[in-house]
N, C-alpha and C. Protein backbone atom coordinates (compact mmCIF):
# COMPACT_ATOMS: atom_id res chain seq x y z
N MET A 1 -28.81 13.52 -9.12
CA MET A 1 -28.35 13.94 -7.80
C MET A 1 -28.34 12.77 -6.82
N LEU A 2 -29.40 11.95 -6.87
CA LEU A 2 -29.49 10.80 -5.97
C LEU A 2 -28.35 9.82 -6.24
N GLU A 3 -28.03 9.63 -7.52
CA GLU A 3 -26.94 8.73 -7.88
C GLU A 3 -25.60 9.23 -7.32
N PHE A 4 -25.36 10.53 -7.37
CA PHE A 4 -24.14 11.13 -6.84
C PHE A 4 -24.04 10.89 -5.34
N ILE A 5 -25.15 11.05 -4.63
CA ILE A 5 -25.17 10.84 -3.18
C ILE A 5 -24.90 9.36 -2.87
N GLN A 6 -25.50 8.46 -3.64
CA GLN A 6 -25.29 7.03 -3.41
C GLN A 6 -23.84 6.64 -3.67
N GLU A 7 -23.23 7.18 -4.72
CA GLU A 7 -21.83 6.88 -5.01
C GLU A 7 -20.93 7.40 -3.90
N ASN A 8 -21.17 8.61 -3.42
CA ASN A 8 -20.36 9.16 -2.35
C ASN A 8 -20.55 8.37 -1.05
N MET A 9 -21.77 7.90 -0.80
CA MET A 9 -22.02 7.11 0.40
C MET A 9 -21.25 5.79 0.33
N LEU A 10 -21.25 5.17 -0.84
CA LEU A 10 -20.52 3.92 -1.01
C LEU A 10 -19.03 4.13 -0.78
N LEU A 11 -18.49 5.18 -1.34
CA LEU A 11 -17.06 5.48 -1.14
C LEU A 11 -16.77 5.78 0.32
N THR A 12 -17.67 6.47 1.00
CA THR A 12 -17.50 6.77 2.42
C THR A 12 -17.51 5.49 3.24
N ILE A 13 -18.41 4.59 2.93
CA ILE A 13 -18.48 3.31 3.64
C ILE A 13 -17.21 2.50 3.42
N ILE A 14 -16.74 2.45 2.17
CA ILE A 14 -15.51 1.72 1.86
C ILE A 14 -14.32 2.33 2.59
N ALA A 15 -14.23 3.66 2.59
CA ALA A 15 -13.12 4.34 3.28
C ALA A 15 -13.18 4.07 4.78
N ALA A 16 -14.38 4.11 5.37
CA ALA A 16 -14.52 3.85 6.80
C ALA A 16 -14.12 2.41 7.12
N TYR A 17 -14.54 1.47 6.29
CA TYR A 17 -14.18 0.07 6.49
C TYR A 17 -12.66 -0.11 6.45
N LEU A 18 -12.01 0.48 5.44
CA LEU A 18 -10.56 0.35 5.32
C LEU A 18 -9.84 1.00 6.49
N LEU A 19 -10.36 2.12 6.96
CA LEU A 19 -9.77 2.79 8.12
C LEU A 19 -9.87 1.91 9.37
N ILE A 20 -11.04 1.32 9.57
CA ILE A 20 -11.23 0.44 10.74
C ILE A 20 -10.33 -0.78 10.64
N MET A 21 -10.27 -1.41 9.46
CA MET A 21 -9.42 -2.60 9.29
C MET A 21 -7.95 -2.24 9.47
N SER A 22 -7.56 -1.06 9.02
CA SER A 22 -6.18 -0.62 9.19
C SER A 22 -5.85 -0.41 10.65
N LEU A 23 -6.76 0.20 11.38
CA LEU A 23 -6.55 0.43 12.81
C LEU A 23 -6.45 -0.89 13.56
N ILE A 24 -7.35 -1.81 13.26
CA ILE A 24 -7.31 -3.13 13.91
C ILE A 24 -5.99 -3.83 13.59
N SER A 25 -5.57 -3.77 12.34
CA SER A 25 -4.33 -4.43 11.92
C SER A 25 -3.12 -3.88 12.66
N VAL A 26 -3.06 -2.56 12.80
CA VAL A 26 -1.93 -1.94 13.51
C VAL A 26 -1.95 -2.34 14.99
N ILE A 27 -3.11 -2.30 15.60
CA ILE A 27 -3.22 -2.67 17.02
C ILE A 27 -2.79 -4.11 17.24
N VAL A 28 -3.26 -5.02 16.39
CA VAL A 28 -2.91 -6.44 16.53
C VAL A 28 -1.42 -6.66 16.28
N CYS A 29 -0.87 -5.98 15.29
CA CYS A 29 0.57 -6.12 14.99
C CYS A 29 1.42 -5.65 16.17
N ILE A 30 1.09 -4.50 16.72
CA ILE A 30 1.84 -3.97 17.86
C ILE A 30 1.68 -4.87 19.08
N TYR A 31 0.46 -5.36 19.30
CA TYR A 31 0.22 -6.28 20.42
C TYR A 31 1.10 -7.51 20.27
N ASP A 32 1.12 -8.11 19.07
CA ASP A 32 1.90 -9.32 18.86
C ASP A 32 3.39 -9.05 19.04
N LYS A 33 3.85 -7.88 18.62
CA LYS A 33 5.26 -7.52 18.79
C LYS A 33 5.61 -7.45 20.28
N LYS A 34 4.74 -6.82 21.07
CA LYS A 34 5.01 -6.71 22.51
C LYS A 34 4.99 -8.07 23.18
N ILE A 35 4.05 -8.91 22.82
CA ILE A 35 3.97 -10.25 23.41
C ILE A 35 5.16 -11.10 22.98
N SER A 36 5.63 -10.91 21.76
CA SER A 36 6.77 -11.71 21.29
C SER A 36 8.02 -11.43 22.10
N LYS A 37 8.16 -10.21 22.58
CA LYS A 37 9.33 -9.87 23.40
C LYS A 37 9.29 -10.56 24.75
N LYS A 38 8.08 -10.91 25.21
CA LYS A 38 7.93 -11.57 26.51
C LYS A 38 7.99 -13.09 26.39
N ASN A 39 8.15 -13.60 25.17
CA ASN A 39 8.23 -15.04 24.90
C ASN A 39 7.03 -15.81 25.44
N ASN A 40 5.85 -15.20 25.39
CA ASN A 40 4.63 -15.87 25.84
C ASN A 40 3.90 -16.42 24.62
N VAL A 41 4.20 -17.66 24.29
CA VAL A 41 3.67 -18.28 23.07
C VAL A 41 2.15 -18.39 23.12
N LYS A 42 1.59 -18.59 24.30
CA LYS A 42 0.14 -18.78 24.44
C LYS A 42 -0.64 -17.54 24.03
N LEU A 43 -0.07 -16.36 24.22
CA LEU A 43 -0.79 -15.12 23.92
C LEU A 43 -0.49 -14.55 22.55
N ARG A 44 0.41 -15.20 21.79
CA ARG A 44 0.78 -14.70 20.47
C ARG A 44 -0.39 -14.77 19.50
N VAL A 45 -0.39 -13.87 18.56
CA VAL A 45 -1.40 -13.85 17.50
C VAL A 45 -0.93 -14.81 16.40
N PRO A 46 -1.79 -15.74 15.98
CA PRO A 46 -1.38 -16.67 14.92
C PRO A 46 -1.03 -15.91 13.63
N GLU A 47 -0.05 -16.43 12.90
CA GLU A 47 0.36 -15.79 11.65
C GLU A 47 -0.79 -15.70 10.67
N LYS A 48 -1.63 -16.72 10.65
CA LYS A 48 -2.76 -16.70 9.71
C LYS A 48 -3.74 -15.57 10.04
N THR A 49 -3.82 -15.17 11.29
CA THR A 49 -4.67 -14.05 11.67
C THR A 49 -4.11 -12.74 11.13
N LEU A 50 -2.80 -12.58 11.23
CA LEU A 50 -2.16 -11.37 10.70
C LEU A 50 -2.35 -11.29 9.18
N LEU A 51 -2.21 -12.41 8.51
CA LEU A 51 -2.40 -12.42 7.05
C LEU A 51 -3.86 -12.20 6.69
N LEU A 52 -4.77 -12.75 7.49
CA LEU A 52 -6.19 -12.55 7.23
C LEU A 52 -6.58 -11.08 7.38
N LEU A 53 -6.06 -10.42 8.41
CA LEU A 53 -6.33 -8.99 8.57
C LEU A 53 -5.82 -8.20 7.37
N SER A 54 -4.69 -8.62 6.84
CA SER A 54 -4.16 -7.96 5.64
C SER A 54 -5.09 -8.18 4.46
N ALA A 55 -5.56 -9.40 4.30
CA ALA A 55 -6.44 -9.72 3.18
C ALA A 55 -7.80 -9.04 3.30
N LEU A 56 -8.22 -8.75 4.51
CA LEU A 56 -9.52 -8.12 4.73
C LEU A 56 -9.47 -6.60 4.60
N GLY A 57 -8.32 -6.06 4.23
CA GLY A 57 -8.25 -4.63 3.97
C GLY A 57 -7.23 -3.86 4.79
N GLY A 58 -6.55 -4.53 5.69
CA GLY A 58 -5.57 -3.84 6.52
C GLY A 58 -4.14 -4.04 6.06
N GLY A 59 -3.96 -4.46 4.83
CA GLY A 59 -2.64 -4.83 4.33
C GLY A 59 -1.62 -3.70 4.33
N VAL A 60 -2.02 -2.54 3.83
CA VAL A 60 -1.07 -1.42 3.76
C VAL A 60 -0.65 -1.01 5.17
N ALA A 61 -1.62 -0.88 6.06
CA ALA A 61 -1.31 -0.49 7.44
C ALA A 61 -0.46 -1.55 8.13
N MET A 62 -0.80 -2.83 7.91
CA MET A 62 -0.05 -3.92 8.52
C MET A 62 1.40 -3.89 8.03
N TYR A 63 1.60 -3.73 6.74
CA TYR A 63 2.94 -3.72 6.17
C TYR A 63 3.76 -2.56 6.71
N LEU A 64 3.17 -1.38 6.73
CA LEU A 64 3.89 -0.20 7.25
C LEU A 64 4.19 -0.35 8.74
N CYS A 65 3.25 -0.91 9.48
CA CYS A 65 3.46 -1.14 10.91
C CYS A 65 4.58 -2.16 11.14
N MET A 66 4.56 -3.24 10.35
CA MET A 66 5.61 -4.25 10.48
C MET A 66 6.99 -3.64 10.25
N LEU A 67 7.10 -2.79 9.24
CA LEU A 67 8.38 -2.15 8.95
C LEU A 67 8.77 -1.17 10.06
N THR A 68 7.78 -0.47 10.59
CA THR A 68 8.05 0.54 11.62
C THR A 68 8.51 -0.08 12.92
N VAL A 69 7.78 -1.13 13.37
CA VAL A 69 8.14 -1.74 14.67
C VAL A 69 9.05 -2.95 14.49
N ARG A 70 9.46 -3.21 13.24
CA ARG A 70 10.34 -4.33 12.90
C ARG A 70 9.81 -5.66 13.43
N HIS A 71 8.59 -5.98 12.99
CA HIS A 71 7.93 -7.21 13.40
C HIS A 71 7.67 -8.07 12.17
N LYS A 72 8.10 -9.30 12.21
CA LYS A 72 7.93 -10.27 11.12
C LYS A 72 8.69 -9.89 9.85
N THR A 73 9.66 -9.02 9.97
CA THR A 73 10.38 -8.55 8.79
C THR A 73 11.38 -9.59 8.25
N LYS A 74 11.65 -10.63 9.02
CA LYS A 74 12.54 -11.69 8.55
C LYS A 74 11.77 -12.87 7.97
N HIS A 75 10.44 -12.76 7.96
CA HIS A 75 9.59 -13.83 7.44
C HIS A 75 9.19 -13.52 6.01
N VAL A 76 9.63 -14.36 5.08
CA VAL A 76 9.32 -14.18 3.67
C VAL A 76 7.80 -14.19 3.46
N LYS A 77 7.11 -15.01 4.24
CA LYS A 77 5.66 -15.11 4.12
C LYS A 77 4.99 -13.74 4.28
N PHE A 78 5.55 -12.90 5.13
CA PHE A 78 4.97 -11.58 5.37
C PHE A 78 5.56 -10.52 4.44
N MET A 79 6.86 -10.54 4.27
CA MET A 79 7.50 -9.49 3.48
C MET A 79 7.19 -9.62 1.99
N LEU A 80 6.83 -10.79 1.54
CA LEU A 80 6.42 -10.99 0.16
C LEU A 80 4.90 -11.15 0.07
N GLY A 81 4.34 -11.86 1.04
CA GLY A 81 2.91 -12.16 1.01
C GLY A 81 2.01 -10.94 1.12
N ILE A 82 2.31 -10.05 2.04
CA ILE A 82 1.45 -8.88 2.22
C ILE A 82 1.52 -7.94 1.02
N PRO A 83 2.70 -7.64 0.47
CA PRO A 83 2.69 -6.84 -0.77
C PRO A 83 1.93 -7.52 -1.92
N LEU A 84 1.98 -8.84 -2.00
CA LEU A 84 1.21 -9.54 -3.03
C LEU A 84 -0.29 -9.41 -2.79
N ILE A 85 -0.70 -9.47 -1.53
CA ILE A 85 -2.11 -9.26 -1.18
C ILE A 85 -2.54 -7.85 -1.58
N ILE A 86 -1.71 -6.87 -1.27
CA ILE A 86 -2.02 -5.47 -1.61
C ILE A 86 -2.13 -5.31 -3.12
N ALA A 87 -1.20 -5.90 -3.85
CA ALA A 87 -1.22 -5.80 -5.32
C ALA A 87 -2.47 -6.47 -5.89
N ALA A 88 -2.83 -7.63 -5.38
CA ALA A 88 -4.03 -8.33 -5.86
C ALA A 88 -5.29 -7.51 -5.57
N GLN A 89 -5.33 -6.88 -4.39
CA GLN A 89 -6.47 -6.04 -4.06
C GLN A 89 -6.53 -4.81 -4.96
N ALA A 90 -5.40 -4.23 -5.28
CA ALA A 90 -5.37 -3.06 -6.15
C ALA A 90 -5.86 -3.43 -7.55
N VAL A 91 -5.44 -4.58 -8.06
CA VAL A 91 -5.90 -5.04 -9.37
C VAL A 91 -7.42 -5.29 -9.34
N ALA A 92 -7.89 -5.92 -8.28
CA ALA A 92 -9.33 -6.20 -8.16
C ALA A 92 -10.14 -4.91 -8.13
N VAL A 93 -9.68 -3.92 -7.37
CA VAL A 93 -10.39 -2.63 -7.30
C VAL A 93 -10.38 -1.95 -8.66
N TYR A 94 -9.24 -1.98 -9.33
CA TYR A 94 -9.15 -1.38 -10.66
C TYR A 94 -10.16 -2.02 -11.61
N LEU A 95 -10.19 -3.35 -11.61
CA LEU A 95 -11.10 -4.05 -12.51
C LEU A 95 -12.56 -3.76 -12.18
N LEU A 96 -12.88 -3.72 -10.89
CA LEU A 96 -14.25 -3.42 -10.48
C LEU A 96 -14.69 -2.03 -10.94
N PHE A 97 -13.83 -1.06 -10.79
CA PHE A 97 -14.17 0.30 -11.21
C PHE A 97 -14.09 0.45 -12.73
N HIS A 98 -13.12 -0.21 -13.35
CA HIS A 98 -12.94 -0.08 -14.80
C HIS A 98 -14.13 -0.67 -15.56
N TYR A 99 -14.65 -1.77 -15.08
CA TYR A 99 -15.75 -2.44 -15.78
C TYR A 99 -17.12 -2.01 -15.24
N GLY A 100 -17.14 -0.92 -14.47
CA GLY A 100 -18.39 -0.29 -14.09
C GLY A 100 -19.21 -0.99 -13.03
N ILE A 101 -18.59 -1.89 -12.28
CA ILE A 101 -19.34 -2.54 -11.21
C ILE A 101 -19.62 -1.54 -10.10
N PHE A 102 -18.70 -0.61 -9.91
CA PHE A 102 -18.90 0.48 -8.94
C PHE A 102 -19.01 1.77 -9.69
């Protein structure tokens, strides 16, 4: 019983983390889109920050947000890079669960 509770707690923590990272990613993406329209280079979010947020767990939300608000959709670095990040994360999660680490 204790093991079941610990497993569910771990999954809850992981889900909460991904939800928070997704929310942050969407907020930052929308912010950068709005600032880009004002041509204020000083306030723009660096591209490496957007990619880092994707790598830290906000990739799916970032990609969907980019497509929705049409932000960075002409940049190969984002349109190819973020799906590759998501795919690498999916493979890593599969391997972690498959080999019993979780």
